[in-house]
Amino acid sequence: MPLRPVVSIPRAFGQVLFEYRAQEGYSQAKLALIAELDRSYVSLLERGQRQPTLTTLFKLAEVLNVPPATMVARTSALAR
Protein backbone atom coordinates (compact mmCIF):
# COMPACT_ATOMS: atom_id res chain seq x y z
CA MET A 1 0.00 0.00 0.00
CA PRO A 2 1.52 3.37 -1.04
CA LEU A 3 2.18 5.95 1.65
CA ARG A 4 0.01 9.03 1.68
CA PRO A 5 1.79 12.22 0.63
CA VAL A 6 2.96 14.45 3.47
CA VAL A 7 1.91 17.44 1.39
CA SER A 8 -0.92 17.24 -1.16
CA ILE A 9 0.04 17.53 -4.80
CA PRO A 10 -1.78 20.86 -5.28
CA ARG A 11 -0.08 22.34 -2.20
CA ALA A 12 3.30 20.98 -3.29
CA PHE A 13 2.87 22.51 -6.75
CA GLY A 14 1.88 25.80 -5.14
CA GLN A 15 5.07 25.82 -3.11
CA VAL A 16 7.17 25.04 -6.19
CA LEU A 17 5.42 27.77 -8.17
CA PHE A 18 5.97 30.28 -5.36
CA GLU A 19 9.67 29.41 -5.08
CA TYR A 20 10.33 29.77 -8.81
CA ARG A 21 8.28 32.99 -8.98
CA ALA A 22 10.24 34.47 -6.07
CA GLN A 23 13.52 33.36 -7.65
CA GLU A 24 12.64 35.35 -10.78
CA GLY A 25 11.58 38.34 -8.68
CA TYR A 26 8.04 38.41 -10.07
CA SER A 27 4.93 39.42 -8.21
CA GLN A 28 1.86 37.28 -8.76
CA ALA A 29 0.47 40.06 -10.93
CA LYS A 30 3.61 40.25 -13.09
CA LEU A 31 3.73 36.47 -13.55
CA ALA A 32 0.05 36.39 -14.43
CA LEU A 33 0.43 39.21 -16.94
CA ILE A 34 3.37 37.61 -18.75
CA ALA A 35 1.79 34.12 -18.72
CA GLU A 36 -1.58 35.57 -19.80
CA LEU A 37 -3.36 34.27 -16.71
CA ASP A 38 -5.53 35.95 -14.11
CA ARG A 39 -3.67 37.08 -10.99
CA SER A 40 -6.27 35.50 -8.74
CA TYR A 41 -5.73 32.17 -10.53
CA VAL A 42 -1.99 32.34 -9.82
CA SER A 43 -2.85 33.00 -6.18
CA LEU A 44 -5.16 29.97 -6.11
CA LEU A 45 -2.42 27.82 -7.64
CA GLU A 46 0.12 28.95 -5.05
CA ARG A 47 -2.31 28.24 -2.21
CA GLY A 48 -2.99 24.75 -3.54
CA GLN A 49 -6.63 25.48 -4.21
CA ARG A 50 -6.38 24.85 -7.95
CA GLN A 51 -4.28 22.63 -10.19
CA PRO A 52 -2.92 23.78 -13.54
CA THR A 53 -3.70 22.20 -16.88
CA LEU A 54 -0.73 21.03 -18.92
CA THR A 55 -1.06 24.12 -21.09
CA THR A 56 -0.91 26.36 -18.01
CA LEU A 57 2.02 24.41 -16.59
CA PHE A 58 3.95 24.94 -19.81
CA LYS A 59 3.11 28.68 -19.87
CA LEU A 60 4.27 29.13 -16.30
CA ALA A 61 7.43 27.11 -16.84
CA GLU A 62 8.34 29.15 -19.91
CA VAL A 63 7.88 32.45 -18.10
CA LEU A 64 9.84 31.17 -15.09
CA ASN A 65 12.68 29.80 -17.27
CA VAL A 66 12.42 26.28 -15.89
CA PRO A 67 11.59 23.04 -17.73
CA PRO A 68 8.04 21.84 -16.99
CA ALA A 69 9.49 18.43 -16.08
CA THR A 70 11.59 20.07 -13.38
CA MET A 71 8.51 21.67 -11.85
CA VAL A 72 6.70 18.32 -11.91
CA ALA A 73 9.68 16.48 -10.41
CA ARG A 74 10.02 19.03 -7.58
CA THR A 75 6.30 18.81 -6.93
CA SER A 76 6.53 15.03 -6.79
CA ALA A 77 9.44 15.18 -4.35
CA LEU A 78 7.55 17.52 -2.02
CA ALA A 79 4.37 15.45 -2.18
CA ARG A 80 6.03 12.33 -0.74
PDB file of N, CA and C in Angstrom:
ATOM      1  N   MET A   1       0.843  -1.176   0.000  1.00  0.00           N
ATOM      2  CA  MET A   1       0.000   0.000   0.000  1.00  0.00           C
ATOM      3  C   MET A   1       0.894   1.247   0.000  1.00  0.00           C
ATOM      4  N   PRO A   2       0.683   2.176  -0.971  1.00  0.00           N
ATOM      5  CA  PRO A   2       1.525   3.372  -1.038  1.00  0.00           C
ATOM      6  C   PRO A   2       1.262   4.283   0.156  1.00  0.00           C
ATOM      7  N   LEU A   3       2.316   4.985   0.565  1.00  0.00           N
ATOM      8  CA  LEU A   3       2.183   5.950   1.647  1.00  0.00           C
ATOM      9  C   LEU A   3       1.442   7.183   1.155  1.00  0.00           C
ATOM     10  N   ARG A   4       0.694   7.792   2.046  1.00  0.00           N
ATOM     11  CA  ARG A   4       0.006   9.032   1.682  1.00  0.00           C
ATOM     12  C   ARG A   4       1.014  10.172   1.638  1.00  0.00           C
ATOM     13  N   PRO A   5       0.847  11.097   0.711  1.00  0.00           N
ATOM     14  CA  PRO A   5       1.788  12.216   0.634  1.00  0.00           C
ATOM     15  C   PRO A   5       1.738  13.057   1.906  1.00  0.00           C
ATOM     16  N   VAL A   6       2.892  13.556   2.314  1.00  0.00           N
ATOM     17  CA  VAL A   6       2.957  14.450   3.466  1.00  0.00           C
ATOM     18  C   VAL A   6       2.287  15.772   3.106  1.00  0.00           C
ATOM     19  N   VAL A   7       2.512  16.213   1.910  1.00  0.00           N
ATOM     20  CA  VAL A   7       1.907  17.436   1.388  1.00  0.00           C
ATOM     21  C   VAL A   7       1.103  17.031   0.158  1.00  0.00           C
ATOM     22  N   SER A   8      -0.110  17.572   0.016  1.00  0.00           N
ATOM     23  CA  SER A   8      -0.917  17.239  -1.155  1.00  0.00           C
ATOM     24  C   SER A   8      -0.225  17.739  -2.426  1.00  0.00           C
ATOM     25  N   ILE A   9      -0.553  17.127  -3.524  1.00  0.00           N
ATOM     26  CA  ILE A   9       0.044  17.526  -4.803  1.00  0.00           C
ATOM     27  C   ILE A   9      -0.272  18.986  -5.128  1.00  0.00           C
ATOM     28  N   PRO A  10      -1.528  19.439  -4.995  1.00  0.00           N
ATOM     29  CA  PRO A  10      -1.784  20.856  -5.285  1.00  0.00           C
ATOM     30  C   PRO A  10      -0.986  21.810  -4.385  1.00  0.00           C
ATOM     31  N   ARG A  11      -0.856  21.481  -3.109  1.00  0.00           N
ATOM     32  CA  ARG A  11      -0.083  22.341  -2.205  1.00  0.00           C
ATOM     33  C   ARG A  11       1.402  22.290  -2.544  1.00  0.00           C
ATOM     34  N   ALA A  12       1.896  21.109  -2.903  1.00  0.00           N
ATOM     35  CA  ALA A  12       3.300  20.978  -3.289  1.00  0.00           C
ATOM     36  C   ALA A  12       3.577  21.804  -4.547  1.00  0.00           C
ATOM     37  N   PHE A  13       2.678  21.716  -5.538  1.00  0.00           N
ATOM     38  CA  PHE A  13       2.873  22.508  -6.753  1.00  0.00           C
ATOM     39  C   PHE A  13       2.855  24.000  -6.419  1.00  0.00           C
ATOM     40  N   GLY A  14       1.950  24.396  -5.541  1.00  0.00           N
ATOM     41  CA  GLY A  14       1.878  25.799  -5.135  1.00  0.00           C
ATOM     42  C   GLY A  14       3.177  26.283  -4.531  1.00  0.00           C
ATOM     43  N   GLN A  15       3.795  25.452  -3.724  1.00  0.00           N
ATOM     44  CA  GLN A  15       5.070  25.818  -3.110  1.00  0.00           C
ATOM     45  C   GLN A  15       6.162  25.945  -4.168  1.00  0.00           C
ATOM     46  N   VAL A  16       6.182  24.998  -5.099  1.00  0.00           N
ATOM     47  CA  VAL A  16       7.166  25.037  -6.188  1.00  0.00           C
ATOM     48  C   VAL A  16       6.961  26.295  -7.030  1.00  0.00           C
ATOM     49  N   LEU A  17       5.727  26.576  -7.380  1.00  0.00           N
ATOM     50  CA  LEU A  17       5.425  27.774  -8.168  1.00  0.00           C
ATOM     51  C   LEU A  17       5.871  29.024  -7.436  1.00  0.00           C
ATOM     52  N   PHE A  18       5.556  29.115  -6.152  1.00  0.00           N
ATOM     53  CA  PHE A  18       5.970  30.275  -5.355  1.00  0.00           C
ATOM     54  C   PHE A  18       7.486  30.428  -5.362  1.00  0.00           C
ATOM     55  N   GLU A  19       8.208  29.337  -5.146  1.00  0.00           N
ATOM     56  CA  GLU A  19       9.672  29.408  -5.085  1.00  0.00           C
ATOM     57  C   GLU A  19      10.274  29.888  -6.404  1.00  0.00           C
ATOM     58  N   TYR A  20       9.797  29.340  -7.523  1.00  0.00           N
ATOM     59  CA  TYR A  20      10.331  29.773  -8.815  1.00  0.00           C
ATOM     60  C   TYR A  20       9.932  31.216  -9.133  1.00  0.00           C
ATOM     61  N   ARG A  21       8.720  31.603  -8.751  1.00  0.00           N
ATOM     62  CA  ARG A  21       8.284  32.987  -8.979  1.00  0.00           C
ATOM     63  C   ARG A  21       9.158  33.946  -8.183  1.00  0.00           C
ATOM     64  N   ALA A  22       9.403  33.619  -6.921  1.00  0.00           N
ATOM     65  CA  ALA A  22      10.236  34.474  -6.068  1.00  0.00           C
ATOM     66  C   ALA A  22      11.667  34.542  -6.606  1.00  0.00           C
ATOM     67  N   GLN A  23      12.165  33.415  -7.092  1.00  0.00           N
ATOM     68  CA  GLN A  23      13.517  33.361  -7.649  1.00  0.00           C
ATOM     69  C   GLN A  23      13.665  34.321  -8.831  1.00  0.00           C
ATOM     70  N   GLU A  24      12.612  34.439  -9.629  1.00  0.00           N
ATOM     71  CA  GLU A  24      12.638  35.347 -10.781  1.00  0.00           C
ATOM     72  C   GLU A  24      12.336  36.792 -10.384  1.00  0.00           C
ATOM     73  N   GLY A  25      11.882  36.993  -9.151  1.00  0.00           N
ATOM     74  CA  GLY A  25      11.580  38.340  -8.681  1.00  0.00           C
ATOM     75  C   GLY A  25      10.253  38.881  -9.182  1.00  0.00           C
ATOM     76  N   TYR A  26       9.342  37.994  -9.558  1.00  0.00           N
ATOM     77  CA  TYR A  26       8.039  38.410 -10.070  1.00  0.00           C
ATOM     78  C   TYR A  26       7.001  38.453  -8.957  1.00  0.00           C
ATOM     79  N   SER A  27       6.130  39.429  -9.038  1.00  0.00           N
ATOM     80  CA  SER A  27       4.930  39.416  -8.206  1.00  0.00           C
ATOM     81  C   SER A  27       3.934  38.461  -8.867  1.00  0.00           C
ATOM     82  N   GLN A  28       2.899  38.106  -8.146  1.00  0.00           N
ATOM     83  CA  GLN A  28       1.856  37.278  -8.761  1.00  0.00           C
ATOM     84  C   GLN A  28       1.263  37.995  -9.965  1.00  0.00           C
ATOM     85  N   ALA A  29       1.067  39.287  -9.837  1.00  0.00           N
ATOM     86  CA  ALA A  29       0.469  40.063 -10.929  1.00  0.00           C
ATOM     87  C   ALA A  29       1.368  40.064 -12.164  1.00  0.00           C
ATOM     88  N   LYS A  30       2.671  40.225 -11.963  1.00  0.00           N
ATOM     89  CA  LYS A  30       3.611  40.246 -13.089  1.00  0.00           C
ATOM     90  C   LYS A  30       3.660  38.877 -13.773  1.00  0.00           C
ATOM     91  N   LEU A  31       3.727  37.811 -12.976  1.00  0.00           N
ATOM     92  CA  LEU A  31       3.732  36.470 -13.549  1.00  0.00           C
ATOM     93  C   LEU A  31       2.455  36.218 -14.342  1.00  0.00           C
ATOM     94  N   ALA A  32       1.333  36.585 -13.759  1.00  0.00           N
ATOM     95  CA  ALA A  32       0.049  36.387 -14.425  1.00  0.00           C
ATOM     96  C   ALA A  32      -0.012  37.153 -15.745  1.00  0.00           C
ATOM     97  N   LEU A  33       0.456  38.383 -15.737  1.00  0.00           N
ATOM     98  CA  LEU A  33       0.435  39.208 -16.942  1.00  0.00           C
ATOM     99  C   LEU A  33       1.268  38.573 -18.057  1.00  0.00           C
ATOM    100  N   ILE A  34       2.479  38.181 -17.739  1.00  0.00           N
ATOM    101  CA  ILE A  34       3.368  37.610 -18.750  1.00  0.00           C
ATOM    102  C   ILE A  34       2.843  36.261 -19.253  1.00  0.00           C
ATOM    103  N   ALA A  35       2.294  35.452 -18.338  1.00  0.00           N
ATOM    104  CA  ALA A  35       1.794  34.123 -18.718  1.00  0.00           C
ATOM    105  C   ALA A  35       0.368  34.172 -19.263  1.00  0.00           C
ATOM    106  N   GLU A  36      -0.209  35.369 -19.314  1.00  0.00           N
ATOM    107  CA  GLU A  36      -1.578  35.566 -19.799  1.00  0.00           C
ATOM    108  C   GLU A  36      -2.591  34.769 -18.980  1.00  0.00           C
ATOM    109  N   LEU A  37      -2.446  34.896 -17.654  1.00  0.00           N
ATOM    110  CA  LEU A  37      -3.357  34.268 -16.707  1.00  0.00           C
ATOM    111  C   LEU A  37      -3.930  35.351 -15.801  1.00  0.00           C
ATOM    112  N   ASP A  38      -4.967  35.015 -15.074  1.00  0.00           N
ATOM    113  CA  ASP A  38      -5.532  35.945 -14.108  1.00  0.00           C
ATOM    114  C   ASP A  38      -4.715  35.891 -12.820  1.00  0.00           C
ATOM    115  N   ARG A  39      -4.455  37.039 -12.203  1.00  0.00           N
ATOM    116  CA  ARG A  39      -3.672  37.078 -10.986  1.00  0.00           C
ATOM    117  C   ARG A  39      -4.301  36.244  -9.882  1.00  0.00           C
ATOM    118  N   SER A  40      -5.621  36.277  -9.786  1.00  0.00           N
ATOM    119  CA  SER A  40      -6.275  35.497  -8.737  1.00  0.00           C
ATOM    120  C   SER A  40      -6.092  33.995  -8.969  1.00  0.00           C
ATOM    121  N   TYR A  41      -5.971  33.576 -10.224  1.00  0.00           N
ATOM    122  CA  TYR A  41      -5.732  32.170 -10.530  1.00  0.00           C
ATOM    123  C   TYR A  41      -4.330  31.761 -10.067  1.00  0.00           C
ATOM    124  N   VAL A  42      -3.349  32.622 -10.291  1.00  0.00           N
ATOM    125  CA  VAL A  42      -1.990  32.345  -9.817  1.00  0.00           C
ATOM    126  C   VAL A  42      -2.002  32.216  -8.293  1.00  0.00           C
ATOM    127  N   SER A  43      -2.735  33.076  -7.634  1.00  0.00           N
ATOM    128  CA  SER A  43      -2.851  32.997  -6.175  1.00  0.00           C
ATOM    129  C   SER A  43      -3.467  31.666  -5.750  1.00  0.00           C
ATOM    130  N   LEU A  44      -4.521  31.246  -6.427  1.00  0.00           N
ATOM    131  CA  LEU A  44      -5.164  29.967  -6.112  1.00  0.00           C
ATOM    132  C   LEU A  44      -4.204  28.798  -6.332  1.00  0.00           C
ATOM    133  N   LEU A  45      -3.409  28.863  -7.384  1.00  0.00           N
ATOM    134  CA  LEU A  45      -2.417  27.820  -7.639  1.00  0.00           C
ATOM    135  C   LEU A  45      -1.404  27.758  -6.502  1.00  0.00           C
ATOM    136  N   GLU A  46      -0.901  28.910  -6.101  1.00  0.00           N
ATOM    137  CA  GLU A  46       0.119  28.950  -5.050  1.00  0.00           C
ATOM    138  C   GLU A  46      -0.429  28.479  -3.705  1.00  0.00           C
ATOM    139  N   ARG A  47      -1.702  28.681  -3.465  1.00  0.00           N
ATOM    140  CA  ARG A  47      -2.306  28.243  -2.207  1.00  0.00           C
ATOM    141  C   ARG A  47      -2.785  26.793  -2.267  1.00  0.00           C
ATOM    142  N   GLY A  48      -2.602  26.148  -3.409  1.00  0.00           N
ATOM    143  CA  GLY A  48      -2.987  24.753  -3.540  1.00  0.00           C
ATOM    144  C   GLY A  48      -4.475  24.542  -3.667  1.00  0.00           C
ATOM    145  N   GLN A  49      -5.187  25.589  -4.069  1.00  0.00           N
ATOM    146  CA  GLN A  49      -6.633  25.478  -4.211  1.00  0.00           C
ATOM    147  C   GLN A  49      -7.065  25.160  -5.639  1.00  0.00           C
ATOM    148  N   ARG A  50      -6.138  25.225  -6.560  1.00  0.00           N
ATOM    149  CA  ARG A  50      -6.382  24.847  -7.947  1.00  0.00           C
ATOM    150  C   ARG A  50      -5.159  24.108  -8.467  1.00  0.00           C
ATOM    151  N   GLN A  51      -5.375  23.326  -9.532  1.00  0.00           N
ATOM    152  CA  GLN A  51      -4.278  22.630 -10.190  1.00  0.00           C
ATOM    153  C   GLN A  51      -4.223  23.096 -11.639  1.00  0.00           C
ATOM    154  N   PRO A  52      -3.020  23.284 -12.176  1.00  0.00           N
ATOM    155  CA  PRO A  52      -2.915  23.780 -13.544  1.00  0.00           C
ATOM    156  C   PRO A  52      -3.174  22.689 -14.579  1.00  0.00           C
ATOM    157  N   THR A  53      -3.660  23.099 -15.728  1.00  0.00           N
ATOM    158  CA  THR A  53      -3.705  22.199 -16.881  1.00  0.00           C
ATOM    159  C   THR A  53      -2.281  22.077 -17.410  1.00  0.00           C
ATOM    160  N   LEU A  54      -2.056  21.143 -18.310  1.00  0.00           N
ATOM    161  CA  LEU A  54      -0.732  21.028 -18.921  1.00  0.00           C
ATOM    162  C   LEU A  54      -0.355  22.304 -19.672  1.00  0.00           C
ATOM    163  N   THR A  55      -1.317  22.877 -20.354  1.00  0.00           N
ATOM    164  CA  THR A  55      -1.056  24.120 -21.086  1.00  0.00           C
ATOM    165  C   THR A  55      -0.595  25.213 -20.131  1.00  0.00           C
ATOM    166  N   THR A  56      -1.278  25.339 -18.998  1.00  0.00           N
ATOM    167  CA  THR A  56      -0.911  26.357 -18.014  1.00  0.00           C
ATOM    168  C   THR A  56       0.456  26.054 -17.413  1.00  0.00           C
ATOM    169  N   LEU A  57       0.714  24.798 -17.122  1.00  0.00           N
ATOM    170  CA  LEU A  57       2.022  24.407 -16.586  1.00  0.00           C
ATOM    171  C   LEU A  57       3.129  24.833 -17.544  1.00  0.00           C
ATOM    172  N   PHE A  58       2.944  24.575 -18.827  1.00  0.00           N
ATOM    173  CA  PHE A  58       3.953  24.943 -19.814  1.00  0.00           C
ATOM    174  C   PHE A  58       4.116  26.455 -19.919  1.00  0.00           C
ATOM    175  N   LYS A  59       3.021  27.206 -19.851  1.00  0.00           N
ATOM    176  CA  LYS A  59       3.109  28.677 -19.872  1.00  0.00           C
ATOM    177  C   LYS A  59       3.909  29.183 -18.687  1.00  0.00           C
ATOM    178  N   LEU A  60       3.572  28.683 -17.506  1.00  0.00           N
ATOM    179  CA  LEU A  60       4.267  29.127 -16.298  1.00  0.00           C
ATOM    180  C   LEU A  60       5.745  28.768 -16.357  1.00  0.00           C
ATOM    181  N   ALA A  61       6.043  27.556 -16.768  1.00  0.00           N
ATOM    182  CA  ALA A  61       7.429  27.110 -16.839  1.00  0.00           C
ATOM    183  C   ALA A  61       8.234  27.968 -17.811  1.00  0.00           C
ATOM    184  N   GLU A  62       7.637  28.315 -18.931  1.00  0.00           N
ATOM    185  CA  GLU A  62       8.343  29.151 -19.910  1.00  0.00           C
ATOM    186  C   GLU A  62       8.659  30.520 -19.321  1.00  0.00           C
ATOM    187  N   VAL A  63       7.680  31.128 -18.690  1.00  0.00           N
ATOM    188  CA  VAL A  63       7.884  32.450 -18.098  1.00  0.00           C
ATOM    189  C   VAL A  63       8.923  32.396 -16.977  1.00  0.00           C
ATOM    190  N   LEU A  64       8.929  31.302 -16.224  1.00  0.00           N
ATOM    191  CA  LEU A  64       9.841  31.170 -15.087  1.00  0.00           C
ATOM    192  C   LEU A  64      11.201  30.574 -15.472  1.00  0.00           C
ATOM    193  N   ASN A  65      11.402  30.311 -16.754  1.00  0.00           N
ATOM    194  CA  ASN A  65      12.675  29.803 -17.265  1.00  0.00           C
ATOM    195  C   ASN A  65      13.097  28.490 -16.608  1.00  0.00           C
ATOM    196  N   VAL A  66      12.147  27.583 -16.486  1.00  0.00           N
ATOM    197  CA  VAL A  66      12.424  26.275 -15.894  1.00  0.00           C
ATOM    198  C   VAL A  66      11.687  25.229 -16.728  1.00  0.00           C
ATOM    199  N   PRO A  67      12.298  24.091 -16.976  1.00  0.00           N
ATOM    200  CA  PRO A  67      11.590  23.045 -17.728  1.00  0.00           C
ATOM    201  C   PRO A  67      10.352  22.568 -16.969  1.00  0.00           C
ATOM    202  N   PRO A  68       9.244  22.344 -17.664  1.00  0.00           N
ATOM    203  CA  PRO A  68       8.042  21.837 -16.993  1.00  0.00           C
ATOM    204  C   PRO A  68       8.321  20.556 -16.219  1.00  0.00           C
ATOM    205  N   ALA A  69       9.170  19.692 -16.762  1.00  0.00           N
ATOM    206  CA  ALA A  69       9.491  18.430 -16.084  1.00  0.00           C
ATOM    207  C   ALA A  69      10.163  18.670 -14.742  1.00  0.00           C
ATOM    208  N   THR A  70      10.936  19.729 -14.646  1.00  0.00           N
ATOM    209  CA  THR A  70      11.588  20.065 -13.383  1.00  0.00           C
ATOM    210  C   THR A  70      10.550  20.486 -12.351  1.00  0.00           C
ATOM    211  N   MET A  71       9.568  21.266 -12.775  1.00  0.00           N
ATOM    212  CA  MET A  71       8.511  21.675 -11.854  1.00  0.00           C
ATOM    213  C   MET A  71       7.724  20.454 -11.368  1.00  0.00           C
ATOM    214  N   VAL A  72       7.443  19.533 -12.274  1.00  0.00           N
ATOM    215  CA  VAL A  72       6.702  18.323 -11.907  1.00  0.00           C
ATOM    216  C   VAL A  72       7.535  17.459 -10.962  1.00  0.00           C
ATOM    217  N   ALA A  73       8.812  17.306 -11.254  1.00  0.00           N
ATOM    218  CA  ALA A  73       9.682  16.481 -10.407  1.00  0.00           C
ATOM    219  C   ALA A  73       9.798  17.068  -9.002  1.00  0.00           C
ATOM    220  N   ARG A  74       9.933  18.382  -8.907  1.00  0.00           N
ATOM    221  CA  ARG A  74      10.018  19.027  -7.581  1.00  0.00           C
ATOM    222  C   ARG A  74       8.701  18.876  -6.832  1.00  0.00           C
ATOM    223  N   THR A  75       7.604  18.995  -7.554  1.00  0.00           N
ATOM    224  CA  THR A  75       6.296  18.809  -6.930  1.00  0.00           C
ATOM    225  C   THR A  75       6.171  17.386  -6.396  1.00  0.00           C
ATOM    226  N   SER A  76       6.585  16.429  -7.197  1.00  0.00           N
ATOM    227  CA  SER A  76       6.531  15.029  -6.790  1.00  0.00           C
ATOM    228  C   SER A  76       7.377  14.783  -5.545  1.00  0.00           C
ATOM    229  N   ALA A  77       8.550  15.366  -5.501  1.00  0.00           N
ATOM    230  CA  ALA A  77       9.444  15.181  -4.351  1.00  0.00           C
ATOM    231  C   ALA A  77       8.830  15.763  -3.075  1.00  0.00           C
ATOM    232  N   LEU A  78       8.156  16.894  -3.193  1.00  0.00           N
ATOM    233  CA  LEU A  78       7.549  17.525  -2.017  1.00  0.00           C
ATOM    234  C   LEU A  78       6.274  16.808  -1.566  1.00  0.00           C
ATOM    235  N   ALA A  79       5.641  16.109  -2.487  1.00  0.00           N
ATOM    236  CA  ALA A  79       4.366  15.452  -2.176  1.00  0.00           C
ATOM    237  C   ALA A  79       4.564  14.040  -1.620  1.00  0.00           C
ATOM    238  N   ARG A  80       5.767  13.688  -1.273  1.00  0.00           N
ATOM    239  CA  ARG A  80       6.029  12.333  -0.738  1.00  0.00           C
ATOM    240  C   ARG A  80       6.023  12.330   0.762  1.00  0.00           C
TER     241      ARG A  80
END
